Protein backbone atom coordinates (compact mmCIF):
# COMPACT_ATOMS: atom_id res chain seq x y z
CA MET A 1 69.04 119.52 56.99
CA HIS A 2 71.37 118.20 54.65
CA LEU A 3 74.39 118.57 57.19
CA VAL A 4 72.22 116.48 59.78
CA VAL A 5 71.79 113.48 57.29
CA LEU A 6 75.41 113.46 56.59
CA ILE A 7 76.30 113.69 60.33
CA THR A 8 73.65 110.67 60.59
CA CYS A 9 75.01 108.80 58.29
CA PHE A 10 78.55 108.98 59.52
CA MET A 11 77.06 108.11 62.72
CA LEU A 12 75.76 104.81 61.73
CA SER A 13 78.82 103.80 59.75
CA GLY A 14 80.97 104.00 63.09
CA CYS A 15 80.06 106.27 65.85
CA ALA A 16 83.40 104.76 67.59
CA ARG A 17 85.74 106.98 65.12
CA LEU A 18 84.73 109.98 67.19
CA PHE A 19 86.94 108.75 69.80
CA PHE A 20 90.28 109.39 67.72
CA TYR A 21 91.97 112.38 66.68
CA PRO A 22 95.19 111.29 66.19
CA GLU A 23 98.25 113.53 64.77
CA LYS A 24 101.38 111.61 63.07
CA ASP A 25 104.01 114.72 63.26
CA TYR A 26 105.52 114.78 66.79
CA VAL A 27 105.50 118.53 68.41
CA LEU A 28 107.76 117.89 71.29
CA THR A 29 110.49 115.08 71.85
CA PRO A 30 112.46 114.37 74.75
CA GLN A 31 115.45 115.39 73.07
CA GLU A 32 114.15 119.09 73.14
CA LEU A 33 113.01 118.70 76.79
CA ARG A 34 116.80 117.46 77.35
CA VAL A 35 115.32 114.13 78.52
CA PRO A 36 117.34 110.77 77.58
CA TYR A 37 115.15 108.59 75.93
CA GLN A 38 115.24 105.31 73.36
CA ASP A 39 112.71 104.85 70.49
CA VAL A 40 111.15 101.67 70.77
CA ASN A 41 109.47 99.56 68.05
CA PHE A 42 107.10 96.20 68.46
CA ASN A 43 104.16 94.59 66.98
CA ALA A 44 100.79 94.20 68.19
CA SER A 45 98.91 90.76 68.07
CA ASP A 46 97.90 91.26 64.48
CA GLY A 47 101.42 92.47 63.44
CA THR A 48 100.51 96.17 63.46
CA ARG A 49 103.63 98.11 63.88
CA LEU A 50 103.86 100.27 67.26
CA HIS A 51 105.98 102.89 68.36
CA GLY A 52 106.77 104.18 71.70
CA TRP A 53 109.67 106.04 74.10
CA PHE A 54 111.23 104.48 76.72
CA LEU A 55 112.52 107.42 79.38
CA PRO A 56 114.85 105.98 81.93
CA ALA A 57 115.20 107.12 85.31
CA HIS A 58 118.01 109.50 86.34
CA GLN A 59 118.91 107.21 89.21
CA GLU A 60 118.33 103.70 90.08
CA PRO A 61 114.50 102.94 89.23
CA VAL A 62 112.04 102.71 91.95
CA ALA A 63 109.22 101.57 89.58
CA THR A 64 108.57 101.73 85.84
CA VAL A 65 105.58 103.75 84.56
CA LEU A 66 103.53 102.49 81.31
CA PHE A 67 101.88 105.39 80.15
CA LEU A 68 98.59 105.42 77.86
CA HIS A 69 97.64 109.01 76.44
CA GLY A 70 94.38 110.15 75.52
CA ASN A 71 92.39 110.26 72.64
CA ALA A 72 93.96 113.29 70.41
CA GLN A 73 97.31 114.01 68.92
CA ASN A 74 100.23 111.37 70.03
CA ILE A 75 102.82 110.70 73.01
CA SER A 76 104.67 114.05 71.59
CA THR A 77 101.90 116.23 73.16
CA HIS A 78 101.22 114.02 76.22
CA ILE A 79 104.62 113.72 77.44
CA ALA A 80 104.55 116.58 79.92
CA SER A 81 102.36 114.54 81.98
CA VAL A 82 104.97 112.31 82.88
CA TYR A 83 108.51 113.07 81.68
CA TRP A 84 109.04 114.86 85.15
CA LEU A 85 108.79 111.32 86.82
CA THR A 86 112.08 110.20 85.42
CA GLU A 87 113.51 112.84 87.57
CA ARG A 88 112.03 110.97 90.75
CA ARG A 89 113.60 108.05 89.70
CA PHE A 90 110.75 106.52 87.49
CA ASP A 91 111.49 104.72 84.30
CA VAL A 92 108.60 105.62 81.81
CA PHE A 93 107.22 103.86 78.73
CA LEU A 94 105.04 105.92 76.65
CA LEU A 95 102.75 104.57 73.96
CA ASP A 96 101.48 105.57 70.44
CA TYR A 97 98.34 103.73 69.28
CA ARG A 98 97.86 102.60 66.01
CA GLY A 99 97.67 105.44 63.47
CA TYR A 100 99.19 107.58 65.81
CA GLY A 101 102.75 109.20 65.56
CA ALA A 102 105.11 106.88 64.52
CA SER A 103 102.80 103.85 64.77
CA GLY A 104 101.25 101.86 61.66
CA GLY A 105 97.65 101.03 61.29
CA ARG A 106 94.56 102.81 61.89
CA PRO A 107 92.83 103.49 65.10
CA SER A 108 90.19 101.57 66.19
CA LEU A 109 88.34 100.55 69.45
CA ASP A 110 89.33 97.10 68.79
CA GLY A 111 93.16 97.81 67.96
CA ILE A 112 93.85 100.78 70.60
CA HIS A 113 93.12 97.75 73.51
CA ALA A 114 95.21 95.26 71.78
CA ASP A 115 97.91 98.00 71.66
CA ALA A 116 97.83 98.33 75.20
CA GLU A 117 98.30 94.94 75.86
CA ALA A 118 101.04 94.39 73.63
CA ALA A 119 102.81 97.38 75.53
CA LEU A 120 102.46 95.70 78.57
CA GLN A 121 103.62 92.56 77.35
CA TYR A 122 106.97 94.08 75.38
CA LEU A 123 107.35 96.34 78.58
CA VAL A 124 107.32 93.04 81.08
CA GLU A 125 109.27 90.73 78.64
CA GLU A 126 111.93 93.30 77.26
CA LEU A 127 112.18 96.23 79.12
CA LEU A 128 111.47 95.59 83.01
CA ALA A 129 113.96 94.57 85.51
CA GLU A 130 112.97 91.16 87.21
CA SER A 131 112.03 92.91 90.49
CA GLU A 132 111.22 95.93 89.30
CA ALA A 133 107.28 97.08 90.10
CA LEU A 134 105.02 98.32 87.39
CA ILE A 135 103.02 101.19 87.63
CA VAL A 136 100.12 101.71 84.98
CA PHE A 137 99.08 105.16 84.48
CA GLY A 138 96.32 106.18 81.62
CA GLN A 139 94.92 109.39 80.99
CA SER A 140 91.20 110.15 79.50
CA LEU A 141 90.35 107.50 76.67
CA GLY A 142 94.02 106.03 78.12
CA GLY A 143 92.42 105.64 81.52
CA ALA A 144 89.59 103.60 79.99
CA VAL A 145 92.39 101.57 78.07
CA ALA A 146 94.17 101.05 80.99
CA ILE A 147 91.28 99.99 83.43
CA ARG A 148 90.31 97.14 81.17
CA MET A 149 93.73 95.87 80.48
CA VAL A 150 94.78 95.54 83.96
CA ALA A 151 91.50 93.80 84.89
CA HIS A 152 92.36 91.20 82.47
CA SER A 153 96.01 91.03 82.34
CA PRO A 154 98.09 88.15 82.93
CA TYR A 155 100.58 90.46 84.09
CA ARG A 156 98.73 91.29 87.23
CA ASP A 157 101.07 90.16 89.53
CA LYS A 158 103.49 92.71 88.05
CA ILE A 159 101.39 95.74 88.82
CA LYS A 160 102.13 97.68 91.93
CA ALA A 161 99.31 100.37 91.14
CA LEU A 162 96.81 101.58 88.54
CA ILE A 163 96.35 105.54 88.03
CA VAL A 164 93.97 106.89 86.11
CA GLU A 165 93.00 110.85 85.38
CA GLY A 166 90.08 112.42 83.68
CA THR A 167 88.94 109.19 82.39
CA PHE A 168 85.11 108.30 81.19
CA ALA A 169 83.00 105.25 82.78
CA SER A 170 81.49 104.53 79.34
CA TYR A 171 82.19 104.65 75.44
CA PRO A 172 78.37 105.02 75.07
CA GLN A 173 77.87 107.38 77.77
CA ILE A 174 80.45 109.97 76.60
CA ALA A 175 79.59 110.01 73.19
CA ARG A 176 76.01 110.71 74.13
CA GLU A 177 76.99 113.50 76.27
CA LYS A 178 79.24 114.90 73.55
CA LEU A 179 76.30 114.67 71.20
CA ALA A 180 74.08 116.23 73.57
CA GLU A 181 76.25 119.44 74.07
CA LEU A 182 75.35 120.81 70.57
CA TRP A 183 71.84 121.84 69.38
CA LEU A 184 72.64 120.30 65.83
CA THR A 185 73.66 116.89 67.19
CA TRP A 186 71.41 116.95 69.81
CA PRO A 187 68.54 114.64 68.60
CA LEU A 188 71.45 111.91 67.60
CA GLN A 189 72.64 111.44 71.23
CA TRP A 190 70.64 108.29 70.82
CA LEU A 191 72.66 106.79 68.36
CA PRO A 192 75.98 105.76 70.39
CA TYR A 193 73.95 103.01 72.42
CA ALA A 194 73.07 101.59 68.69
CA THR A 195 76.63 102.02 67.32
CA VAL A 196 79.26 102.47 70.02
CA SER A 197 79.95 98.82 72.18
CA GLY A 198 79.97 98.95 75.79
CA ALA A 199 82.06 96.05 75.83
CA TYR A 200 84.88 98.01 76.48
CA ASP A 201 83.38 99.85 79.56
CA ALA A 202 85.61 100.90 82.31
CA VAL A 203 82.57 101.00 84.72
CA ASN A 204 81.97 97.11 83.74
CA ALA A 205 85.88 96.41 84.47
CA VAL A 206 86.78 98.46 87.46
CA ALA A 207 85.95 96.10 89.95
CA LYS A 208 88.01 93.36 88.58
CA VAL A 209 91.36 95.28 89.17
CA SER A 210 91.47 94.57 93.10
CA PRO A 211 93.40 93.97 94.85
CA ILE A 212 95.57 96.02 92.62
CA PRO A 213 94.84 99.36 94.12
CA VAL A 214 93.55 101.66 91.81
CA VAL A 215 93.34 106.11 92.22
CA ILE A 216 90.96 107.92 90.06
CA ILE A 217 91.97 111.53 89.65
CA HIS A 218 89.60 114.02 88.13
CA GLY A 219 89.58 118.00 88.01
CA ASP A 220 86.20 119.20 89.25
CA ALA A 221 85.98 121.62 86.83
CA ASP A 222 86.71 119.46 83.76
CA ALA A 223 84.33 120.66 81.02
CA ILE A 224 85.58 117.35 78.76
CA VAL A 225 84.86 114.59 80.63
CA PRO A 226 82.43 115.54 83.50
CA PRO A 227 83.33 114.55 87.44
CA ALA A 228 80.29 112.25 87.62
CA HIS A 229 82.34 110.07 85.33
CA ALA A 230 84.83 109.73 88.57
CA HIS A 231 82.33 109.18 91.17
CA ARG A 232 80.64 106.66 88.86
CA LEU A 233 83.97 104.54 88.20
CA TYR A 234 84.66 104.88 92.32
CA ARG A 235 81.39 103.84 92.90
CA ALA A 236 81.88 100.64 90.98
CA ALA A 237 85.66 99.83 92.32
CA ARG A 238 86.39 97.89 94.97
CA GLU A 239 89.05 98.54 97.96
CA PRO A 240 91.80 99.69 97.68
CA LYS A 241 90.74 102.27 95.93
CA GLU A 242 91.27 106.28 96.28
CA LEU A 243 89.37 109.11 94.54
CA TRP A 244 91.37 112.59 94.08
CA MET A 245 89.58 115.34 92.97
CA VAL A 246 91.68 118.29 91.86
CA PRO A 247 89.60 121.63 93.15
CA GLY A 248 89.76 123.90 89.98
CA GLY A 249 91.40 121.38 87.52
CA GLY A 250 90.24 121.00 84.10
CA HIS A 251 90.72 118.42 81.71
CA ILE A 252 94.02 116.01 82.37
CA GLU A 253 95.55 119.14 84.24
CA ALA A 254 96.70 117.97 87.32
CA PHE A 255 100.10 117.02 86.56
CA SER A 256 100.74 120.57 85.84
CA LYS A 257 100.61 121.00 89.60
CA THR A 258 103.11 120.52 92.02
CA ILE A 259 101.34 119.65 94.51
CA CYS A 260 99.83 116.61 92.55
CA ARG A 261 103.07 115.43 91.49
CA GLU A 262 104.18 115.40 95.21
CA ARG A 263 100.99 113.61 95.99
CA LEU A 264 101.54 111.08 93.32
CA VAL A 265 104.95 110.28 93.81
CA LYS A 266 104.52 109.91 97.75
CA TYR A 267 101.55 107.49 97.01
CA LEU A 268 103.94 105.58 94.60
CA THR A 269 106.72 105.43 97.03
CA ARG A 270 105.35 104.66 100.13
CA LYS A 271 105.94 101.28 101.63
């Protein structure tokens, strides 16, 4: 009973904190992958110092990918999802949100959304060639951030496509579902609707992404974010839109598969 009370107090003090599991130490670096890179440092709108890696394409780039990772660890554990794009003539810019990796501050819903917007601004103003196309790619939490950012961005004219994988439709909804999975927290599943803001919900923003094409990718065996979230996002989105369900795919596993990599490159390089 005491544990339930402690959990309840924690939830009431800010359920949004359940979305963030940052780590400061890097597990895998571009250098270890033998991928050229440069460290990039810049500030969010509130002055928080942010860090990322810029991976240049091996040849003349066809586009630049802004990558927003999921809620756990940092860019070093998510780099495997995108570093291979440099071999396919894409520049890649990976951001660590505040509190993650070498970025300063502490994570919050307001903060990570501000961080993504700052990364997009920095990329467009400092790194992107004038005529170069921009792709925004977000996984899991990063996909939810990406959808809202692209929907409202002043740089929409630069964005060629939005790609999201393993993304949840609503912050309160996914928090409720996670609490409902365990008998200990099952009675608390109503709390997210009282403590987690739905202001950033991707399902409410995805229609505004149009006419920028959006591709929603999800493993049909995803046990972390149920596939129903992908279908809900797809229904809410406007054309042009595509839904790619990955047979047997788990959470953000699509680009460990060669067939998915080839499909994405073909989609992004089509005329």
